N, C-alpha and C. Protein backbone atom coordinates (compact mmCIF):
# COMPACT_ATOMS: atom_id res chain seq x y z
N UNK A 1 1.01 -1.02 0.31
CA UNK A 1 0.29 0.31 -0.72
C UNK A 1 0.92 0.90 -0.08
N UNK A 2 0.52 2.13 -0.68
CA UNK A 2 1.11 3.18 -0.92
C UNK A 2 1.30 4.24 0.25
N UNK A 3 2.30 5.49 0.70
CA UNK A 3 1.82 6.51 1.69
C UNK A 3 1.22 6.90 1.52
N UNK A 4 0.33 7.52 1.89
CA UNK A 4 -1.12 8.43 2.11
C UNK A 4 -0.80 9.95 1.30
N UNK A 5 0.75 10.12 2.60
CA UNK A 5 1.19 11.57 2.15
C UNK A 5 1.55 11.51 1.12
N UNK A 6 2.39 11.37 0.84
CA UNK A 6 2.99 11.14 -1.09
C UNK A 6 1.91 11.70 -1.69
N UNK A 7 0.84 10.79 -2.20
CA UNK A 7 -0.60 11.39 -1.96
C UNK A 7 -0.99 13.46 -2.81
N UNK A 8 -1.71 13.51 -3.62
CA UNK A 8 -1.97 14.58 -3.55
C UNK A 8 -2.89 14.51 -4.37
N UNK A 9 -3.62 15.93 -3.82
CA UNK A 9 -5.50 15.49 -4.03
C UNK A 9 -6.04 15.85 -5.49
N UNK A 10 -6.07 15.51 -6.55
CA UNK A 10 -6.99 14.97 -7.19
C UNK A 10 -7.23 16.36 -8.07
N UNK A 11 -7.75 17.17 -7.13
CA UNK A 11 -8.07 18.74 -7.46
C UNK A 11 -7.32 19.32 -7.18
N UNK A 12 -6.67 19.47 -5.99
CA UNK A 12 -6.16 20.84 -5.76
C UNK A 12 -3.88 20.13 -5.50
N UNK A 13 -3.56 20.54 -6.54
CA UNK A 13 -2.43 19.56 -6.63
C UNK A 13 -1.07 19.62 -5.14
N UNK A 14 -1.09 20.64 -5.36
CA UNK A 14 -0.31 21.69 -3.74
C UNK A 14 -0.72 21.23 -2.59
N UNK A 15 -1.99 20.59 -2.54
CA UNK A 15 -2.42 20.06 -1.17
C UNK A 15 -2.44 18.37 -1.24
N UNK A 16 -2.13 18.27 0.51
CA UNK A 16 -1.86 16.49 0.15
C UNK A 16 -2.75 15.91 0.55
N UNK A 17 -2.87 14.76 -0.33
CA UNK A 17 -4.41 13.71 -0.49
C UNK A 17 -4.55 13.38 1.50
N UNK A 18 -5.97 13.39 1.54
CA UNK A 18 -6.05 13.12 3.34
C UNK A 18 -7.63 11.63 2.84
N UNK A 19 -7.71 11.55 1.53
CA UNK A 19 -8.73 10.28 1.46
C UNK A 19 -8.24 9.81 0.05
N UNK A 20 -8.71 8.31 0.47
CA UNK A 20 -8.81 7.72 -1.40
C UNK A 20 -10.26 7.43 -1.78
N UNK A 21 -10.95 8.28 -2.59
CA UNK A 21 -12.39 7.78 -2.79
C UNK A 21 -12.71 6.26 -2.75
N UNK A 22 -13.85 5.75 -2.08
CA UNK A 22 -13.53 4.39 -2.84
C UNK A 22 -14.97 3.89 -3.85
N UNK A 23 -15.02 4.70 -4.71
CA UNK A 23 -15.49 4.56 -5.77
C UNK A 23 -15.02 5.17 -7.34
N UNK A 24 -14.72 6.13 -7.20
CA UNK A 24 -13.74 6.49 -8.52
C UNK A 24 -12.11 5.75 -7.91
N UNK A 25 -11.61 5.93 -7.07
CA UNK A 25 -10.49 5.13 -6.83
C UNK A 25 -8.89 6.19 -6.74
N UNK A 26 -9.82 8.01 -6.91
CA UNK A 26 -8.75 8.96 -6.28
C UNK A 26 -8.75 9.39 -5.48
N UNK A 27 -7.47 10.27 -5.00
CA UNK A 27 -7.02 10.81 -3.52
C UNK A 27 -7.45 12.13 -4.08
N UNK A 28 -7.77 13.10 -2.37
CA UNK A 28 -8.91 13.98 -2.67
C UNK A 28 -7.87 14.53 -0.55
N UNK A 29 -7.97 16.00 -1.00
CA UNK A 29 -8.01 16.50 0.08
C UNK A 29 -8.97 16.71 1.07
N UNK A 30 -8.51 17.09 2.32
CA UNK A 30 -10.18 17.09 2.73
C UNK A 30 -10.81 17.85 2.72
N UNK A 31 -11.01 18.78 1.62
CA UNK A 31 -12.04 19.33 1.34
C UNK A 31 -13.05 19.34 -0.05
N UNK A 32 -12.09 18.74 -0.49
CA UNK A 32 -12.98 17.55 -1.78
C UNK A 32 -13.49 16.68 -0.92
N UNK A 33 -13.87 15.98 -0.37
CA UNK A 33 -14.86 15.24 0.31
C UNK A 33 -15.97 15.13 1.13
N UNK A 34 -16.71 14.34 0.81
CA UNK A 34 -18.21 14.39 2.23
C UNK A 34 -17.80 12.60 2.26
N UNK A 35 -18.52 12.60 3.61
CA UNK A 35 -18.88 11.66 4.43
C UNK A 35 -20.11 11.40 3.81
N UNK A 36 -20.78 10.25 3.40
CA UNK A 36 -21.64 9.71 2.90
C UNK A 36 -22.26 8.11 3.40
N UNK A 37 -23.26 7.67 4.53
CA UNK A 37 -23.42 6.60 4.35
C UNK A 37 -21.69 5.65 5.04
N UNK A 38 -21.91 7.10 6.19
CA UNK A 38 -19.87 6.04 6.83
C UNK A 38 -18.79 6.14 6.07
N UNK A 39 -19.07 6.50 4.46
CA UNK A 39 -17.90 6.65 3.49
C UNK A 39 -17.11 8.08 3.34
N UNK A 40 -16.46 7.96 2.93
CA UNK A 40 -15.73 9.91 2.31
C UNK A 40 -15.79 9.00 0.68
N UNK A 41 -16.56 10.39 0.51
CA UNK A 41 -16.26 10.44 -1.42
C UNK A 41 -16.35 11.85 -1.58
N UNK A 42 -15.79 11.91 -3.14
CA UNK A 42 -15.39 13.12 -3.90
C UNK A 42 -17.00 13.38 -3.72
N UNK A 43 -16.75 14.49 -4.48
CA UNK A 43 -18.29 15.37 -4.66
C UNK A 43 -19.04 14.57 -5.88
N UNK A 44 -18.48 14.68 -6.94
CA UNK A 44 -18.31 13.14 -8.52
C UNK A 44 -19.83 11.86 -8.25
N UNK A 45 -18.45 11.25 -7.23
CA UNK A 45 -19.34 10.65 -7.15
C UNK A 45 -20.50 10.17 -6.00
N UNK A 46 -20.47 11.73 -4.99
CA UNK A 46 -21.44 11.61 -4.01
C UNK A 46 -22.74 12.58 -5.11
N UNK A 47 -22.49 13.17 -6.52
CA UNK A 47 -23.72 13.42 -7.47
C UNK A 47 -23.90 12.12 -8.06
N UNK A 48 -23.14 11.59 -8.64
CA UNK A 48 -23.47 10.17 -9.47
C UNK A 48 -24.43 9.33 -8.41
N UNK A 49 -23.87 8.91 -7.06
CA UNK A 49 -24.55 8.74 -6.11
C UNK A 49 -26.21 9.22 -5.92
N UNK A 50 -26.18 10.14 -5.78
CA UNK A 50 -27.59 10.88 -5.67
C UNK A 50 -28.46 11.08 -6.29
N UNK A 51 -27.87 11.00 -7.82
CA UNK A 51 -28.79 11.30 -8.95
C UNK A 51 -29.92 10.66 -9.38
N UNK A 52 -29.73 9.25 -8.92
CA UNK A 52 -30.81 8.20 -9.61
C UNK A 52 -32.23 8.30 -8.49
N UNK A 53 -31.99 8.60 -7.33
CA UNK A 53 -33.20 8.92 -6.43
C UNK A 53 -33.40 10.04 -6.54
N UNK A 54 -32.94 11.26 -6.80
CA UNK A 54 -33.90 11.97 -6.98
C UNK A 54 -34.79 12.20 -7.95
N UNK A 55 -34.33 11.75 -9.11
CA UNK A 55 -35.22 11.80 -9.99
C UNK A 55 -36.16 10.88 -9.99
N UNK A 56 -35.81 9.16 -9.01
CA UNK A 56 -37.46 8.83 -8.83
C UNK A 56 -38.52 9.48 -7.86
N UNK A 57 -37.76 10.60 -6.78
CA UNK A 57 -38.89 11.39 -6.09
C UNK A 57 -39.39 12.23 -6.54
N UNK A 58 -38.77 13.42 -8.06
CA UNK A 58 -38.99 14.40 -8.42
C UNK A 58 -40.44 13.93 -9.33
N UNK A 59 -40.31 12.27 -9.71
CA UNK A 59 -41.30 12.35 -10.40
C UNK A 59 -42.31 11.38 -9.37
N UNK A 60 -41.98 11.32 -8.53
CA UNK A 60 -43.10 10.71 -7.40
C UNK A 60 -44.09 12.05 -6.56
N UNK A 61 -43.28 12.54 -6.95
CA UNK A 61 -43.90 14.23 -5.99
C UNK A 61 -44.08 14.82 -7.27
N UNK A 62 -44.09 14.94 -8.63
CA UNK A 62 -45.08 14.86 -9.52
C UNK A 62 -46.34 14.47 -9.92
N UNK A 63 -46.07 13.31 -9.46
CA UNK A 63 -47.73 12.10 -9.90
C UNK A 63 -48.60 12.47 -8.74
N UNK A 64 -47.86 12.67 -7.40
CA UNK A 64 -48.44 13.44 -5.95
C UNK A 64 -49.46 14.15 -6.24
N UNK A 65 -48.78 15.42 -6.50
CA UNK A 65 -49.15 16.88 -6.80
C UNK A 65 -50.16 16.94 -7.81
N UNK A 66 -50.08 16.35 -9.27
CA UNK A 66 -51.36 16.09 -9.95
C UNK A 66 -52.54 15.14 -9.74
N UNK A 67 -52.21 14.37 -9.38
CA UNK A 67 -52.93 13.38 -8.42
C UNK A 67 -54.24 14.44 -6.90
N UNK A 68 -53.08 15.23 -6.68
CA UNK A 68 -53.73 15.95 -5.41
C UNK A 68 -54.75 17.37 -6.28
N UNK A 69 -54.19 17.79 -6.82
CA UNK A 69 -54.78 18.86 -8.17
C UNK A 69 -56.22 18.38 -8.40
N UNK A 70 -56.20 17.18 -8.90
CA UNK A 70 -57.48 16.43 -9.72
C UNK A 70 -58.10 16.43 -8.45
N UNK A 71 -58.55 15.04 -7.15
CA UNK A 71 -58.83 15.38 -6.07
C UNK A 71 -59.33 16.62 -5.66
N UNK A 72 -58.48 17.75 -5.34
CA UNK A 72 -59.62 18.74 -5.38
C UNK A 72 -60.10 19.96 -6.06
N UNK A 73 -59.94 19.34 -7.17
CA UNK A 73 -60.79 19.91 -8.41
C UNK A 73 -62.55 19.38 -8.21
N UNK A 74 -62.00 17.99 -8.40
CA UNK A 74 -63.21 17.46 -8.09
C UNK A 74 -64.24 16.99 -6.64
N UNK A 75 -63.67 17.69 -5.60
CA UNK A 75 -63.98 17.88 -4.50
C UNK A 75 -64.66 19.01 -4.42
N UNK A 76 -64.16 20.31 -5.21
CA UNK A 76 -64.87 21.37 -5.80
C UNK A 76 -66.02 20.98 -6.24
N UNK A 77 -65.50 20.05 -7.32
CA UNK A 77 -67.05 20.13 -8.06
C UNK A 77 -68.50 19.37 -7.73
N UNK A 78 -68.11 18.68 -7.15
CA UNK A 78 -69.16 17.82 -5.95
C UNK A 78 -69.97 19.23 -5.13
N UNK A 79 -69.06 19.51 -3.90
CA UNK A 79 -69.82 20.71 -3.20
C UNK A 79 -70.44 21.41 -4.73
N UNK A 80 -69.60 22.14 -4.98
CA UNK A 80 -70.83 22.97 -5.46
C UNK A 80 -71.85 22.25 -6.37
N UNK A 81 -71.79 21.09 -7.33
CA UNK A 81 -72.82 20.53 -7.54
C UNK A 81 -74.17 20.16 -6.22
N UNK A 82 -73.37 19.93 -5.29
CA UNK A 82 -74.87 18.72 -4.19
C UNK A 82 -75.55 20.23 -4.01
N UNK A 83 -74.55 21.66 -3.59
CA UNK A 83 -75.08 22.79 -3.38
C UNK A 83 -76.19 23.05 -4.10
N UNK A 84 -75.98 23.20 -5.19
CA UNK A 84 -76.76 23.23 -6.37
C UNK A 84 -77.82 22.29 -6.34
N UNK A 85 -77.73 21.19 -6.32
CA UNK A 85 -78.81 20.10 -5.58
C UNK A 85 -80.17 20.60 -4.65
N UNK A 86 -79.43 21.43 -3.64
CA UNK A 86 -80.36 21.59 -2.47
C UNK A 86 -80.65 22.84 -3.05
N UNK A 87 -80.25 23.52 -3.27
CA UNK A 87 -81.14 24.11 -3.94
C UNK A 87 -82.03 24.71 -4.46
N UNK A 88 -82.17 23.77 -5.59
CA UNK A 88 -83.03 23.27 -6.46
C UNK A 88 -84.12 22.45 -5.43
N UNK A 89 -83.81 21.55 -4.35
CA UNK A 89 -85.09 21.20 -3.74
C UNK A 89 -85.62 22.36 -2.52
N UNK A 90 -85.79 23.58 -2.63
CA UNK A 90 -85.81 24.18 -1.58
C UNK A 90 -87.62 24.84 -2.63
N UNK A 91 -88.93 24.61 -2.15
CA UNK A 91 -90.12 25.56 -2.91
C UNK A 91 -89.70 26.59 -3.19
N UNK A 92 -90.15 26.28 -4.66
CA UNK A 92 -90.49 27.61 -5.05
C UNK A 92 -91.18 29.17 -4.02
N UNK A 93 -92.40 28.24 -3.27
CA UNK A 93 -93.30 29.29 -2.36
C UNK A 93 -92.20 30.27 -1.32
N UNK A 94 -90.46 29.56 -0.91
CA UNK A 94 -90.02 29.66 -0.47
C UNK A 94 -88.68 31.33 -1.07
N UNK A 95 -89.39 31.19 -2.49
CA UNK A 95 -88.63 32.32 -3.00
C UNK A 95 -89.30 33.19 -3.26
N UNK A 96 -91.08 32.65 -3.06
CA UNK A 96 -91.55 33.89 -3.67
C UNK A 96 -92.12 34.70 -2.73
N UNK A 97 -92.03 34.63 -1.68
CA UNK A 97 -91.87 34.52 0.07
C UNK A 97 -94.01 34.67 0.72
N UNK A 98 -94.38 33.57 -0.03
CA UNK A 98 -95.42 33.37 0.84
C UNK A 98 -95.25 31.85 1.41
N UNK A 99 -94.32 31.17 1.80
CA UNK A 99 -94.14 29.91 2.70
C UNK A 99 -93.76 31.40 3.62
N UNK A 100 -94.06 32.05 3.98
CA UNK A 100 -93.56 33.17 5.16
C UNK A 100 -95.43 33.55 4.97
N UNK A 101 -96.19 33.70 5.29
CA UNK A 101 -97.54 34.27 5.33
C UNK A 101 -98.13 33.10 5.38
N UNK A 102 -98.20 31.81 5.10
CA UNK A 102 -98.22 30.54 5.86
C UNK A 102 -97.81 30.07 7.63
N UNK A 103 -97.17 30.45 7.40
CA UNK A 103 -96.53 30.40 8.73
C UNK A 103 -97.12 31.05 9.12
N UNK A 104 -97.08 32.65 9.34
CA UNK A 104 -97.53 33.25 10.65
C UNK A 104 -99.01 33.59 10.47
N UNK A 105 -99.92 32.74 9.64
CA UNK A 105 -100.96 32.64 10.11
C UNK A 105 -101.82 31.20 10.90
């Protein structure tokens, strides 16, 4: 195994390498790596690992949003439909004002 202190960062030649990325097998300094799932990964490997789940989450979020909008429109339509049905079921004597005359007698 090679001495890590003799290695240089892939992005910064003047810096000493601190980590070997397990995905791409390149050496990087402390500023060029981040911890993910108890492993130190470079930015490019991290981006490659997270790219696929992000697309899946985006599709599910888009599908969920469309479904919720559709359900909202359906609920609004049902609300106004049944409100109209209730208003239509009110007798015309109520609208003409004659119902109040029959109650007062």
